[in-house]
Amino acid sequence: MRLSLLNPLILLMALIAPGASIAAPLPEHTLILENHQFSPAELKVSAGKKFRLVVVNRDPSPEEFESYDFNREKIVPAGGRIVLYVGPLRPGRYQFFGEFHQASARGALIAE
C-alpha cells in the first residue's frame, strides 16, 4: 500500500525533473537621481548577462530616463523609482540621460 502512494509522486518527479531548472535571480544595479544628476555617473555591468536596473528619483520633480544605446525610455516619478530589465549587452559603453535635464542628468553603463 505504501508503494502505491509513492508511485504518483515518483512519476511526477520524473516528468518535471528533466526540464526543471531553478532560475537564479537577476543581478540588480541601482542608479540614484539627485539634483538632476545620476549617481554613479558610470555604472559597470557584466557583459552578456541580463540585469535589473533600478532608478531611484530623489528629486522633487519627475524625470524621463532615456537611452538610445540600449533602447529604454521611462518616466521616473518625483520621489519614485522604476525597474528596467536590460541586456544582455555586448562589451562597450551605453549612454543614458534624463530627458528633462539633459545638461546635467547624464551617465553611462560600461559593459565588461
PDB file of N, CA and C in Angstrom:
ATOM      1  N   MET A   1       0.827  -1.192   0.000  1.00  0.00           N
ATOM      2  CA  MET A   1       0.000   0.000   0.000  1.00  0.00           C
ATOM      3  C   MET A   1       0.873   1.259   0.000  1.00  0.00           C
ATOM      4  N   ARG A   2       1.910   1.238   0.746  1.00  0.00           N
ATOM      5  CA  ARG A   2       2.800   2.379   0.804  1.00  0.00           C
ATOM      6  C   ARG A   2       3.430   2.670  -0.558  1.00  0.00           C
ATOM      7  N   LEU A   3       3.804   1.662  -1.296  1.00  0.00           N
ATOM      8  CA  LEU A   3       4.403   1.809  -2.613  1.00  0.00           C
ATOM      9  C   LEU A   3       3.421   2.457  -3.593  1.00  0.00           C
ATOM     10  N   SER A   4       2.142   2.117  -3.492  1.00  0.00           N
ATOM     11  CA  SER A   4       1.161   2.675  -4.418  1.00  0.00           C
ATOM     12  C   SER A   4       0.986   4.185  -4.219  1.00  0.00           C
ATOM     13  N   LEU A   5       1.192   4.696  -3.010  1.00  0.00           N
ATOM     14  CA  LEU A   5       1.108   6.133  -2.775  1.00  0.00           C
ATOM     15  C   LEU A   5       2.333   6.858  -3.321  1.00  0.00           C
ATOM     16  N   LEU A   6       3.468   6.204  -3.345  1.00  0.00           N
ATOM     17  CA  LEU A   6       4.692   6.820  -3.839  1.00  0.00           C
ATOM     18  C   LEU A   6       4.762   6.858  -5.355  1.00  0.00           C
ATOM     19  N   ASN A   7       4.098   5.920  -6.023  1.00  0.00           N
ATOM     20  CA  ASN A   7       4.179   5.853  -7.484  1.00  0.00           C
ATOM     21  C   ASN A   7       3.788   7.162  -8.174  1.00  0.00           C
ATOM     22  N   PRO A   8       2.668   7.798  -7.824  1.00  0.00           N
ATOM     23  CA  PRO A   8       2.331   9.064  -8.486  1.00  0.00           C
ATOM     24  C   PRO A   8       3.379  10.145  -8.227  1.00  0.00           C
ATOM     25  N   LEU A   9       3.928  10.159  -7.023  1.00  0.00           N
ATOM     26  CA  LEU A   9       4.946  11.150  -6.696  1.00  0.00           C
ATOM     27  C   LEU A   9       6.220  10.911  -7.512  1.00  0.00           C
ATOM     28  N   ILE A  10       6.633   9.683  -7.640  1.00  0.00           N
ATOM     29  CA  ILE A  10       7.814   9.340  -8.435  1.00  0.00           C
ATOM     30  C   ILE A  10       7.575   9.688  -9.899  1.00  0.00           C
ATOM     31  N   LEU A  11       6.400   9.385 -10.405  1.00  0.00           N
ATOM     32  CA  LEU A  11       6.069   9.705 -11.790  1.00  0.00           C
ATOM     33  C   LEU A  11       6.094  11.223 -12.015  1.00  0.00           C
ATOM     34  N   LEU A  12       5.529  11.974 -11.101  1.00  0.00           N
ATOM     35  CA  LEU A  12       5.521  13.427 -11.216  1.00  0.00           C
ATOM     36  C   LEU A  12       6.946  13.980 -11.210  1.00  0.00           C
ATOM     37  N   MET A  13       7.791  13.493 -10.321  1.00  0.00           N
ATOM     38  CA  MET A  13       9.183  13.948 -10.265  1.00  0.00           C
ATOM     39  C   MET A  13       9.934  13.602 -11.544  1.00  0.00           C
ATOM     40  N   ALA A  14       9.663  12.456 -12.101  1.00  0.00           N
ATOM     41  CA  ALA A  14      10.329  12.043 -13.336  1.00  0.00           C
ATOM     42  C   ALA A  14       9.905  12.922 -14.506  1.00  0.00           C
ATOM     43  N   LEU A  15       8.656  13.373 -14.517  1.00  0.00           N
ATOM     44  CA  LEU A  15       8.177  14.234 -15.596  1.00  0.00           C
ATOM     45  C   LEU A  15       8.722  15.653 -15.478  1.00  0.00           C
ATOM     46  N   ILE A  16       8.843  16.151 -14.251  1.00  0.00           N
ATOM     47  CA  ILE A  16       9.286  17.523 -14.040  1.00  0.00           C
ATOM     48  C   ILE A  16      10.805  17.650 -14.117  1.00  0.00           C
ATOM     49  N   ALA A  17      11.527  16.716 -13.568  1.00  0.00           N
ATOM     50  CA  ALA A  17      12.979  16.823 -13.397  1.00  0.00           C
ATOM     51  C   ALA A  17      13.768  17.115 -14.670  1.00  0.00           C
ATOM     52  N   PRO A  18      13.499  16.470 -15.806  1.00  0.00           N
ATOM     53  CA  PRO A  18      14.363  16.728 -16.961  1.00  0.00           C
ATOM     54  C   PRO A  18      14.372  18.181 -17.427  1.00  0.00           C
ATOM     55  N   GLY A  19      13.251  18.869 -17.348  1.00  0.00           N
ATOM     56  CA  GLY A  19      13.200  20.258 -17.808  1.00  0.00           C
ATOM     57  C   GLY A  19      13.247  21.264 -16.679  1.00  0.00           C
ATOM     58  N   ALA A  20      13.350  20.784 -15.457  1.00  0.00           N
ATOM     59  CA  ALA A  20      13.301  21.686 -14.316  1.00  0.00           C
ATOM     60  C   ALA A  20      14.621  22.423 -14.146  1.00  0.00           C
ATOM     61  N   SER A  21      14.499  23.690 -13.877  1.00  0.00           N
ATOM     62  CA  SER A  21      15.677  24.484 -13.535  1.00  0.00           C
ATOM     63  C   SER A  21      15.224  25.566 -12.574  1.00  0.00           C
ATOM     64  N   ILE A  22      16.069  25.853 -11.641  1.00  0.00           N
ATOM     65  CA  ILE A  22      15.754  26.908 -10.691  1.00  0.00           C
ATOM     66  C   ILE A  22      16.408  28.169 -11.220  1.00  0.00           C
ATOM     67  N   ALA A  23      15.586  29.146 -11.551  1.00  0.00           N
ATOM     68  CA  ALA A  23      16.099  30.384 -12.130  1.00  0.00           C
ATOM     69  C   ALA A  23      16.798  31.204 -11.050  1.00  0.00           C
ATOM     70  N   ALA A  24      18.015  31.575 -11.328  1.00  0.00           N
ATOM     71  CA  ALA A  24      18.756  32.431 -10.403  1.00  0.00           C
ATOM     72  C   ALA A  24      18.221  33.855 -10.540  1.00  0.00           C
ATOM     73  N   PRO A  25      18.170  34.588  -9.434  1.00  0.00           N
ATOM     74  CA  PRO A  25      17.706  35.966  -9.535  1.00  0.00           C
ATOM     75  C   PRO A  25      18.662  36.782 -10.402  1.00  0.00           C
ATOM     76  N   LEU A  26      18.104  37.746 -11.114  1.00  0.00           N
ATOM     77  CA  LEU A  26      18.927  38.604 -11.967  1.00  0.00           C
ATOM     78  C   LEU A  26      19.778  39.537 -11.111  1.00  0.00           C
ATOM     79  N   PRO A  27      20.993  39.824 -11.568  1.00  0.00           N
ATOM     80  CA  PRO A  27      21.780  40.840 -10.863  1.00  0.00           C
ATOM     81  C   PRO A  27      21.028  42.170 -10.912  1.00  0.00           C
ATOM     82  N   GLU A  28      21.190  42.960  -9.856  1.00  0.00           N
ATOM     83  CA  GLU A  28      20.494  44.237  -9.780  1.00  0.00           C
ATOM     84  C   GLU A  28      21.496  45.364  -9.561  1.00  0.00           C
ATOM     85  N   HIS A  29      21.305  46.452 -10.302  1.00  0.00           N
ATOM     86  CA  HIS A  29      22.136  47.647 -10.177  1.00  0.00           C
ATOM     87  C   HIS A  29      21.210  48.836  -9.949  1.00  0.00           C
ATOM     88  N   THR A  30      21.672  49.785  -9.156  1.00  0.00           N
ATOM     89  CA  THR A  30      20.842  50.940  -8.812  1.00  0.00           C
ATOM     90  C   THR A  30      21.513  52.241  -9.228  1.00  0.00           C
ATOM     91  N   LEU A  31      20.724  53.112  -9.820  1.00  0.00           N
ATOM     92  CA  LEU A  31      21.127  54.485 -10.123  1.00  0.00           C
ATOM     93  C   LEU A  31      20.281  55.411  -9.268  1.00  0.00           C
ATOM     94  N   ILE A  32      20.917  56.407  -8.662  1.00  0.00           N
ATOM     95  CA  ILE A  32      20.208  57.413  -7.872  1.00  0.00           C
ATOM     96  C   ILE A  32      20.213  58.710  -8.665  1.00  0.00           C
ATOM     97  N   LEU A  33      19.066  59.327  -8.790  1.00  0.00           N
ATOM     98  CA  LEU A  33      18.941  60.631  -9.440  1.00  0.00           C
ATOM     99  C   LEU A  33      18.677  61.659  -8.350  1.00  0.00           C
ATOM    100  N   GLU A  34      19.632  62.574  -8.191  1.00  0.00           N
ATOM    101  CA  GLU A  34      19.501  63.607  -7.162  1.00  0.00           C
ATOM    102  C   GLU A  34      20.150  64.883  -7.677  1.00  0.00           C
ATOM    103  N   ASN A  35      19.472  66.012  -7.483  1.00  0.00           N
ATOM    104  CA  ASN A  35      19.937  67.293  -8.020  1.00  0.00           C
ATOM    105  C   ASN A  35      20.144  67.202  -9.535  1.00  0.00           C
ATOM    106  N   HIS A  36      19.279  66.461 -10.173  1.00  0.00           N
ATOM    107  CA  HIS A  36      19.304  66.272 -11.633  1.00  0.00           C
ATOM    108  C   HIS A  36      20.608  65.672 -12.139  1.00  0.00           C
ATOM    109  N   GLN A  37      21.205  64.793 -11.326  1.00  0.00           N
ATOM    110  CA  GLN A  37      22.417  64.080 -11.715  1.00  0.00           C
ATOM    111  C   GLN A  37      22.290  62.616 -11.308  1.00  0.00           C
ATOM    112  N   PHE A  38      22.830  61.731 -12.149  1.00  0.00           N
ATOM    113  CA  PHE A  38      22.824  60.310 -11.835  1.00  0.00           C
ATOM    114  C   PHE A  38      24.067  59.951 -11.027  1.00  0.00           C
ATOM    115  N   SER A  39      23.877  59.087 -10.055  1.00  0.00           N
ATOM    116  CA  SER A  39      24.981  58.571  -9.259  1.00  0.00           C
ATOM    117  C   SER A  39      24.816  57.061  -9.129  1.00  0.00           C
ATOM    118  N   PRO A  40      25.814  56.301  -9.514  1.00  0.00           N
ATOM    119  CA  PRO A  40      27.052  56.745 -10.136  1.00  0.00           C
ATOM    120  C   PRO A  40      26.798  57.190 -11.578  1.00  0.00           C
ATOM    121  N   ALA A  41      27.662  58.076 -12.058  1.00  0.00           N
ATOM    122  CA  ALA A  41      27.529  58.551 -13.441  1.00  0.00           C
ATOM    123  C   ALA A  41      27.952  57.466 -14.425  1.00  0.00           C
ATOM    124  N   GLU A  42      28.854  56.589 -13.995  1.00  0.00           N
ATOM    125  CA  GLU A  42      29.249  55.430 -14.803  1.00  0.00           C
ATOM    126  C   GLU A  42      29.034  54.181 -13.964  1.00  0.00           C
ATOM    127  N   LEU A  43      28.270  53.261 -14.499  1.00  0.00           N
ATOM    128  CA  LEU A  43      27.914  52.046 -13.782  1.00  0.00           C
ATOM    129  C   LEU A  43      28.438  50.847 -14.551  1.00  0.00           C
ATOM    130  N   LYS A  44      29.300  50.055 -13.913  1.00  0.00           N
ATOM    131  CA  LYS A  44      29.844  48.862 -14.562  1.00  0.00           C
ATOM    132  C   LYS A  44      28.890  47.691 -14.378  1.00  0.00           C
ATOM    133  N   VAL A  45      28.604  46.999 -15.504  1.00  0.00           N
ATOM    134  CA  VAL A  45      27.732  45.828 -15.505  1.00  0.00           C
ATOM    135  C   VAL A  45      28.451  44.700 -16.241  1.00  0.00           C
ATOM    136  N   SER A  46      27.990  43.488 -16.037  1.00  0.00           N
ATOM    137  CA  SER A  46      28.586  42.341 -16.715  1.00  0.00           C
ATOM    138  C   SER A  46      28.073  42.235 -18.141  1.00  0.00           C
ATOM    139  N   ALA A  47      28.983  42.180 -19.089  1.00  0.00           N
ATOM    140  CA  ALA A  47      28.596  41.985 -20.495  1.00  0.00           C
ATOM    141  C   ALA A  47      28.022  40.583 -20.648  1.00  0.00           C
ATOM    142  N   GLY A  48      27.054  40.452 -21.544  1.00  0.00           N
ATOM    143  CA  GLY A  48      26.486  39.149 -21.861  1.00  0.00           C
ATOM    144  C   GLY A  48      25.466  38.634 -20.868  1.00  0.00           C
ATOM    145  N   LYS A  49      25.091  39.441 -19.875  1.00  0.00           N
ATOM    146  CA  LYS A  49      24.123  38.998 -18.868  1.00  0.00           C
ATOM    147  C   LYS A  49      23.006  40.020 -18.712  1.00  0.00           C
ATOM    148  N   LYS A  50      21.792  39.526 -18.648  1.00  0.00           N
ATOM    149  CA  LYS A  50      20.636  40.384 -18.395  1.00  0.00           C
ATOM    150  C   LYS A  50      20.672  40.824 -16.930  1.00  0.00           C
ATOM    151  N   PHE A  51      20.159  42.032 -16.653  1.00  0.00           N
ATOM    152  CA  PHE A  51      20.135  42.525 -15.278  1.00  0.00           C
ATOM    153  C   PHE A  51      18.963  43.477 -15.074  1.00  0.00           C
ATOM    154  N   ARG A  52      18.661  43.714 -13.794  1.00  0.00           N
ATOM    155  CA  ARG A  52      17.632  44.683 -13.402  1.00  0.00           C
ATOM    156  C   ARG A  52      18.331  45.999 -13.104  1.00  0.00           C
ATOM    157  N   LEU A  53      17.797  47.068 -13.661  1.00  0.00           N
ATOM    158  CA  LEU A  53      18.312  48.401 -13.387  1.00  0.00           C
ATOM    159  C   LEU A  53      17.224  49.165 -12.635  1.00  0.00           C
ATOM    160  N   VAL A  54      17.519  49.533 -11.400  1.00  0.00           N
ATOM    161  CA  VAL A  54      16.580  50.295 -10.579  1.00  0.00           C
ATOM    162  C   VAL A  54      17.029  51.755 -10.610  1.00  0.00           C
ATOM    163  N   VAL A  55      16.115  52.639 -10.959  1.00  0.00           N
ATOM    164  CA  VAL A  55      16.399  54.074 -10.979  1.00  0.00           C
ATOM    165  C   VAL A  55      15.540  54.726  -9.901  1.00  0.00           C
ATOM    166  N   VAL A  56      16.197  55.340  -8.927  1.00  0.00           N
ATOM    167  CA  VAL A  56      15.525  55.994  -7.807  1.00  0.00           C
ATOM    168  C   VAL A  56      15.641  57.505  -8.000  1.00  0.00           C
ATOM    169  N   ASN A  57      14.509  58.182  -8.005  1.00  0.00           N
ATOM    170  CA  ASN A  57      14.485  59.636  -8.209  1.00  0.00           C
ATOM    171  C   ASN A  57      14.274  60.319  -6.861  1.00  0.00           C
ATOM    172  N   ARG A  58      15.300  60.967  -6.359  1.00  0.00           N
ATOM    173  CA  ARG A  58      15.199  61.699  -5.087  1.00  0.00           C
ATOM    174  C   ARG A  58      14.870  63.173  -5.301  1.00  0.00           C
ATOM    175  N   ASP A  59      14.674  63.561  -6.546  1.00  0.00           N
ATOM    176  CA  ASP A  59      14.333  64.954  -6.852  1.00  0.00           C
ATOM    177  C   ASP A  59      12.830  65.195  -6.650  1.00  0.00           C
ATOM    178  N   PRO A  60      12.444  66.473  -6.440  1.00  0.00           N
ATOM    179  CA  PRO A  60      11.033  66.805  -6.257  1.00  0.00           C
ATOM    180  C   PRO A  60      10.255  66.909  -7.574  1.00  0.00           C
ATOM    181  N   SER A  61      10.913  66.600  -8.682  1.00  0.00           N
ATOM    182  CA  SER A  61      10.237  66.650  -9.981  1.00  0.00           C
ATOM    183  C   SER A  61      10.488  65.341 -10.732  1.00  0.00           C
ATOM    184  N   PRO A  62       9.575  64.985 -11.636  1.00  0.00           N
ATOM    185  CA  PRO A  62       9.772  63.750 -12.402  1.00  0.00           C
ATOM    186  C   PRO A  62      10.925  63.900 -13.394  1.00  0.00           C
ATOM    187  N   GLU A  63      11.414  62.777 -13.857  1.00  0.00           N
ATOM    188  CA  GLU A  63      12.458  62.747 -14.880  1.00  0.00           C
ATOM    189  C   GLU A  63      12.142  61.607 -15.836  1.00  0.00           C
ATOM    190  N   GLU A  64      12.537  61.786 -17.077  1.00  0.00           N
ATOM    191  CA  GLU A  64      12.358  60.710 -18.056  1.00  0.00           C
ATOM    192  C   GLU A  64      13.718  60.070 -18.309  1.00  0.00           C
ATOM    193  N   PHE A  65      13.899  58.853 -17.807  1.00  0.00           N
ATOM    194  CA  PHE A  65      15.132  58.104 -18.045  1.00  0.00           C
ATOM    195  C   PHE A  65      15.105  57.628 -19.486  1.00  0.00           C
ATOM    196  N   GLU A  66      16.193  57.887 -20.219  1.00  0.00           N
ATOM    197  CA  GLU A  66      16.200  57.518 -21.634  1.00  0.00           C
ATOM    198  C   GLU A  66      17.584  57.070 -22.079  1.00  0.00           C
ATOM    199  N   SER A  67      17.606  56.071 -22.967  1.00  0.00           N
ATOM    200  CA  SER A  67      18.843  55.630 -23.608  1.00  0.00           C
ATOM    201  C   SER A  67      18.530  55.185 -25.024  1.00  0.00           C
ATOM    202  N   TYR A  68      19.191  55.824 -25.972  1.00  0.00           N
ATOM    203  CA  TYR A  68      19.098  55.369 -27.358  1.00  0.00           C
ATOM    204  C   TYR A  68      19.974  54.125 -27.545  1.00  0.00           C
ATOM    205  N   ASP A  69      21.058  54.052 -26.761  1.00  0.00           N
ATOM    206  CA  ASP A  69      22.021  52.965 -26.925  1.00  0.00           C
ATOM    207  C   ASP A  69      21.470  51.595 -26.530  1.00  0.00           C
ATOM    208  N   PHE A  70      20.656  51.532 -25.465  1.00  0.00           N
ATOM    209  CA  PHE A  70      20.041  50.249 -25.104  1.00  0.00           C
ATOM    210  C   PHE A  70      18.513  50.321 -25.114  1.00  0.00           C
ATOM    211  N   ASN A  71      18.007  51.304 -25.847  1.00  0.00           N
ATOM    212  CA  ASN A  71      16.593  51.381 -26.211  1.00  0.00           C
ATOM    213  C   ASN A  71      15.623  51.301 -25.024  1.00  0.00           C
ATOM    214  N   ARG A  72      15.749  52.245 -24.110  1.00  0.00           N
ATOM    215  CA  ARG A  72      14.834  52.323 -22.978  1.00  0.00           C
ATOM    216  C   ARG A  72      14.385  53.763 -22.802  1.00  0.00           C
ATOM    217  N   GLU A  73      13.140  53.917 -22.332  1.00  0.00           N
ATOM    218  CA  GLU A  73      12.566  55.236 -22.081  1.00  0.00           C
ATOM    219  C   GLU A  73      11.432  55.044 -21.077  1.00  0.00           C
ATOM    220  N   LYS A  74      11.549  55.728 -19.929  1.00  0.00           N
ATOM    221  CA  LYS A  74      10.514  55.553 -18.916  1.00  0.00           C
ATOM    222  C   LYS A  74      10.540  56.732 -17.937  1.00  0.00           C
ATOM    223  N   ILE A  75       9.361  57.199 -17.576  1.00  0.00           N
ATOM    224  CA  ILE A  75       9.224  58.293 -16.616  1.00  0.00           C
ATOM    225  C   ILE A  75       9.494  57.755 -15.209  1.00  0.00           C
ATOM    226  N   VAL A  76      10.320  58.507 -14.470  1.00  0.00           N
ATOM    227  CA  VAL A  76      10.579  58.202 -13.061  1.00  0.00           C
ATOM    228  C   VAL A  76       9.881  59.294 -12.261  1.00  0.00           C
ATOM    229  N   PRO A  77       8.818  58.952 -11.536  1.00  0.00           N
ATOM    230  CA  PRO A  77       8.081  59.983 -10.806  1.00  0.00           C
ATOM    231  C   PRO A  77       8.943  60.659  -9.731  1.00  0.00           C
ATOM    232  N   ALA A  78       8.578  61.872  -9.364  1.00  0.00           N
ATOM    233  CA  ALA A  78       9.257  62.576  -8.278  1.00  0.00           C
ATOM    234  C   ALA A  78       9.192  61.721  -7.016  1.00  0.00           C
ATOM    235  N   GLY A  79      10.337  61.492  -6.398  1.00  0.00           N
ATOM    236  CA  GLY A  79      10.378  60.674  -5.189  1.00  0.00           C
ATOM    237  C   GLY A  79      10.090  59.211  -5.429  1.00  0.00           C
ATOM    238  N   GLY A  80      10.044  58.782  -6.681  1.00  0.00           N
ATOM    239  CA  GLY A  80       9.689  57.400  -7.002  1.00  0.00           C
ATOM    240  C   GLY A  80      10.853  56.598  -7.541  1.00  0.00           C
ATOM    241  N   ARG A  81      10.522  55.422  -8.044  1.00  0.00           N
ATOM    242  CA  ARG A  81      11.526  54.532  -8.607  1.00  0.00           C
ATOM    243  C   ARG A  81      10.926  53.708  -9.717  1.00  0.00           C
ATOM    244  N   ILE A  82      11.777  53.266 -10.609  1.00  0.00           N
ATOM    245  CA  ILE A  82      11.352  52.383 -11.691  1.00  0.00           C
ATOM    246  C   ILE A  82      12.324  51.211 -11.760  1.00  0.00           C
ATOM    247  N   VAL A  83      11.885  50.142 -12.395  1.00  0.00           N
ATOM    248  CA  VAL A  83      12.741  48.992 -12.644  1.00  0.00           C
ATOM    249  C   VAL A  83      12.731  48.730 -14.142  1.00  0.00           C
ATOM    250  N   LEU A  84      13.919  48.613 -14.707  1.00  0.00           N
ATOM    251  CA  LEU A  84      14.090  48.294 -16.120  1.00  0.00           C
ATOM    252  C   LEU A  84      14.872  46.993 -16.228  1.00  0.00           C
ATOM    253  N   TYR A  85      14.546  46.195 -17.213  1.00  0.00           N
ATOM    254  CA  TYR A  85      15.318  44.991 -17.497  1.00  0.00           C
ATOM    255  C   TYR A  85      16.162  45.278 -18.722  1.00  0.00           C
ATOM    256  N   VAL A  86      17.467  45.091 -18.580  1.00  0.00           N
ATOM    257  CA  VAL A  86      18.413  45.474 -19.623  1.00  0.00           C
ATOM    258  C   VAL A  86      19.307  44.282 -19.950  1.00  0.00           C
ATOM    259  N   GLY A  87      19.667  44.194 -21.216  1.00  0.00           N
ATOM    260  CA  GLY A  87      20.654  43.189 -21.629  1.00  0.00           C
ATOM    261  C   GLY A  87      20.026  41.950 -22.196  1.00  0.00           C
ATOM    262  N   PRO A  88      20.928  41.050 -22.489  1.00  0.00           N
ATOM    263  CA  PRO A  88      22.372  41.125 -22.322  1.00  0.00           C
ATOM    264  C   PRO A  88      23.005  42.118 -23.292  1.00  0.00           C
ATOM    265  N   LEU A  89      24.034  42.812 -22.805  1.00  0.00           N
ATOM    266  CA  LEU A  89      24.743  43.806 -23.604  1.00  0.00           C
ATOM    267  C   LEU A  89      26.111  43.274 -24.029  1.00  0.00           C
ATOM    268  N   ARG A  90      26.534  43.669 -25.205  1.00  0.00           N
ATOM    269  CA  ARG A  90      27.897  43.358 -25.642  1.00  0.00           C
ATOM    270  C   ARG A  90      28.855  44.290 -24.907  1.00  0.00           C
ATOM    271  N   PRO A  91      30.114  43.919 -24.787  1.00  0.00           N
ATOM    272  CA  PRO A  91      31.066  44.820 -24.139  1.00  0.00           C
ATOM    273  C   PRO A  91      31.059  46.193 -24.823  1.00  0.00           C
ATOM    274  N   GLY A  92      31.060  47.241 -24.003  1.00  0.00           N
ATOM    275  CA  GLY A  92      31.051  48.588 -24.558  1.00  0.00           C
ATOM    276  C   GLY A  92      30.464  49.601 -23.598  1.00  0.00           C
ATOM    277  N   ARG A  93      30.280  50.797 -24.106  1.00  0.00           N
ATOM    278  CA  ARG A  93      29.751  51.929 -23.339  1.00  0.00           C
ATOM    279  C   ARG A  93      28.364  52.272 -23.885  1.00  0.00           C
ATOM    280  N   TYR A  94      27.390  52.374 -22.989  1.00  0.00           N
ATOM    281  CA  TYR A  94      25.999  52.632 -23.358  1.00  0.00           C
ATOM    282  C   TYR A  94      25.521  53.865 -22.585  1.00  0.00           C
ATOM    283  N   GLN A  95      25.292  54.944 -23.294  1.00  0.00           N
ATOM    284  CA  GLN A  95      24.916  56.194 -22.637  1.00  0.00           C
ATOM    285  C   GLN A  95      23.423  56.245 -22.320  1.00  0.00           C
ATOM    286  N   PHE A  96      23.103  56.982 -21.245  1.00  0.00           N
ATOM    287  CA  PHE A  96      21.716  57.264 -20.870  1.00  0.00           C
ATOM    288  C   PHE A  96      21.656  58.705 -20.390  1.00  0.00           C
ATOM    289  N   PHE A  97      20.441  59.254 -20.303  1.00  0.00           N
ATOM    290  CA  PHE A  97      20.289  60.643 -19.874  1.00  0.00           C
ATOM    291  C   PHE A  97      18.882  60.862 -19.345  1.00  0.00           C
ATOM    292  N   GLY A  98      18.714  61.988 -18.662  1.00  0.00           N
ATOM    293  CA  GLY A  98      17.400  62.440 -18.223  1.00  0.00           C
ATOM    294  C   GLY A  98      16.867  63.409 -19.262  1.00  0.00           C
ATOM    295  N   GLU A  99      15.790  63.056 -19.883  1.00  0.00           N
ATOM    296  CA  GLU A  99      15.210  63.864 -20.971  1.00  0.00           C
ATOM    297  C   GLU A  99      14.886  65.291 -20.526  1.00  0.00           C
ATOM    298  N   PHE A 100      14.436  65.468 -19.275  1.00  0.00           N
ATOM    299  CA  PHE A 100      14.007  66.790 -18.812  1.00  0.00           C
ATOM    300  C   PHE A 100      15.172  67.670 -18.345  1.00  0.00           C
ATOM    301  N   HIS A 101      16.330  67.068 -18.098  1.00  0.00           N
ATOM    302  CA  HIS A 101      17.513  67.816 -17.629  1.00  0.00           C
ATOM    303  C   HIS A 101      18.754  67.264 -18.317  1.00  0.00           C
ATOM    304  N   GLN A 102      18.775  67.354 -19.619  1.00  0.00           N
ATOM    305  CA  GLN A 102      19.844  66.729 -20.406  1.00  0.00           C
ATOM    306  C   GLN A 102      21.233  67.308 -20.132  1.00  0.00           C
ATOM    307  N   ALA A 103      21.313  68.560 -19.725  1.00  0.00           N
ATOM    308  CA  ALA A 103      22.621  69.157 -19.486  1.00  0.00           C
ATOM    309  C   ALA A 103      23.332  68.523 -18.277  1.00  0.00           C
ATOM    310  N   SER A 104      22.573  68.092 -17.284  1.00  0.00           N
ATOM    311  CA  SER A 104      23.193  67.564 -16.069  1.00  0.00           C
ATOM    312  C   SER A 104      22.926  66.080 -15.817  1.00  0.00           C
ATOM    313  N   ALA A 105      21.777  65.589 -16.218  1.00  0.00           N
ATOM    314  CA  ALA A 105      21.403  64.192 -15.935  1.00  0.00           C
ATOM    315  C   ALA A 105      21.912  63.289 -17.060  1.00  0.00           C
ATOM    316  N   ARG A 106      23.190  62.898 -16.946  1.00  0.00           N
ATOM    317  CA  ARG A 106      23.830  62.086 -17.978  1.00  0.00           C
ATOM    318  C   ARG A 106      24.639  60.983 -17.306  1.00  0.00           C
ATOM    319  N   GLY A 107      24.780  59.860 -18.007  1.00  0.00           N
ATOM    320  CA  GLY A 107      25.596  58.789 -17.467  1.00  0.00           C
ATOM    321  C   GLY A 107      25.800  57.701 -18.503  1.00  0.00           C
ATOM    322  N   ALA A 108      26.438  56.610 -18.064  1.00  0.00           N
ATOM    323  CA  ALA A 108      26.710  55.514 -18.985  1.00  0.00           C
ATOM    324  C   ALA A 108      26.806  54.191 -18.244  1.00  0.00           C
ATOM    325  N   LEU A 109      26.362  53.149 -18.909  1.00  0.00           N
ATOM    326  CA  LEU A 109      26.616  51.782 -18.456  1.00  0.00           C
ATOM    327  C   LEU A 109      27.877  51.319 -19.171  1.00  0.00           C
ATOM    328  N   ILE A 110      28.787  50.706 -18.432  1.00  0.00           N
ATOM    329  CA  ILE A 110      30.004  50.153 -19.008  1.00  0.00           C
ATOM    330  C   ILE A 110      29.896  48.639 -18.884  1.00  0.00           C
ATOM    331  N   ALA A 111      29.672  47.978 -20.013  1.00  0.00           N
ATOM    332  CA  ALA A 111      29.539  46.513 -20.014  1.00  0.00           C
ATOM    333  C   ALA A 111      30.914  45.896 -20.235  1.00  0.00           C
ATOM    334  N   GLU A 112      31.369  45.101 -19.275  1.00  0.00           N
ATOM    335  CA  GLU A 112      32.680  44.449 -19.375  1.00  0.00           C
ATOM    336  C   GLU A 112      32.542  42.959 -19.152  1.00  0.00           C
TER     337      GLU A 112
END
